Protein backbone atom coordinates (compact mmCIF):
# COMPACT_ATOMS: atom_id res chain seq x y z
CA MET A 1 53.98 125.09 -77.53
CA THR A 2 57.39 125.04 -75.82
CA GLY A 3 58.60 128.50 -76.36
CA ILE A 4 55.77 130.32 -76.28
CA PRO A 5 56.60 131.16 -72.31
CA GLY A 6 60.08 131.93 -72.96
CA GLU A 7 63.36 130.51 -72.75
CA HIS A 8 63.62 131.42 -69.29
CA VAL A 9 61.29 129.96 -67.61
CA TRP A 10 63.45 125.88 -68.38
CA PRO A 11 66.20 124.66 -67.10
CA GLY A 12 69.72 125.59 -68.60
CA GLN A 13 69.83 122.96 -70.64
CA ILE A 14 66.49 122.99 -72.18
CA GLN A 15 67.21 127.01 -72.52
CA GLN A 16 69.67 125.92 -75.12
CA LEU A 17 67.73 123.72 -76.99
CA ILE A 18 65.04 126.41 -77.06
CA LYS A 19 67.63 129.19 -78.29
CA MET A 20 69.45 126.93 -80.84
CA THR A 21 65.85 125.48 -82.18
CA TYR A 22 64.32 128.82 -82.82
CA VAL A 23 67.46 130.39 -84.43
CA ASN A 24 67.80 127.90 -87.20
CA PRO A 25 65.03 126.46 -88.74
CA ALA A 26 66.41 123.39 -90.68
CA LEU A 27 68.01 122.23 -86.69
CA ALA A 28 64.28 122.74 -85.43
CA ILE A 29 63.11 120.25 -88.47
CA ASN A 30 65.53 118.01 -87.26
CA THR A 31 64.77 118.30 -83.45
CA TYR A 32 61.02 117.76 -83.92
CA PHE A 33 61.60 114.64 -86.29
CA LYS A 34 64.08 112.87 -83.32
CA ILE A 35 61.27 113.74 -80.91
CA ILE A 36 58.49 111.85 -83.18
CA LEU A 37 60.76 109.00 -84.28
CA MET A 38 61.87 108.43 -80.46
CA THR A 39 58.23 108.77 -79.13
CA THR A 40 56.91 106.32 -82.26
CA LEU A 41 59.65 103.73 -81.47
CA ALA A 42 58.76 104.02 -77.87
CA PHE A 43 54.90 102.86 -78.56
CA VAL A 44 55.70 100.74 -80.99
CA ALA A 45 58.24 98.76 -78.36
CA ALA A 46 55.70 99.13 -75.80
CA TYR A 47 53.16 97.89 -77.83
CA ASN A 48 54.67 95.13 -80.02
CA LYS A 49 57.04 92.72 -77.94
CA SER A 50 58.99 90.96 -80.74
CA LEU A 51 60.29 94.13 -81.92
CA ARG A 52 61.43 95.71 -78.45
CA TYR A 53 64.90 94.39 -79.78
CA HIS A 54 65.07 96.20 -82.73
CA CYS A 55 63.34 99.21 -81.40
CA SER A 56 66.54 99.15 -78.82
CA LEU A 57 69.30 99.20 -81.34
CA ALA A 58 67.39 102.19 -82.76
CA TYR A 59 67.44 103.96 -79.50
CA LEU A 60 71.29 103.42 -79.04
CA PRO A 61 72.56 105.51 -81.69
CA ALA A 62 70.28 108.38 -80.33
CA ILE A 63 71.26 107.75 -76.79
CA LEU A 64 74.93 107.88 -77.60
CA TYR A 65 74.94 110.92 -79.86
CA LEU A 66 73.01 112.34 -77.07
CA LEU A 67 75.48 111.36 -74.43
CA PHE A 68 78.13 112.70 -76.26
CA MET A 69 77.19 115.78 -77.48
CA HIS A 70 76.05 116.79 -73.50
CA TRP A 71 79.54 115.96 -72.76
CA TYR A 72 80.63 118.29 -75.34
CA PHE A 73 78.53 121.38 -74.44
CA ILE A 74 79.56 120.48 -71.13
CA MET A 75 83.49 120.41 -71.80
């Protein structure tokens, strides 16, 4: 759905994500899996109070990865 209007209607970082996603199908599957995983963890943590700590631990590598990739592409 996000790629239907084209990549030019989105901000620069999202344009790059859409370009990379649609050029490489394996990357697209990986990106969709990460989005689904993070959404699922957010809903589980919002619903189950005892799992919030564990969901936060699962978020930590993803957040560090995103920060590193953001820094890597800027430099």
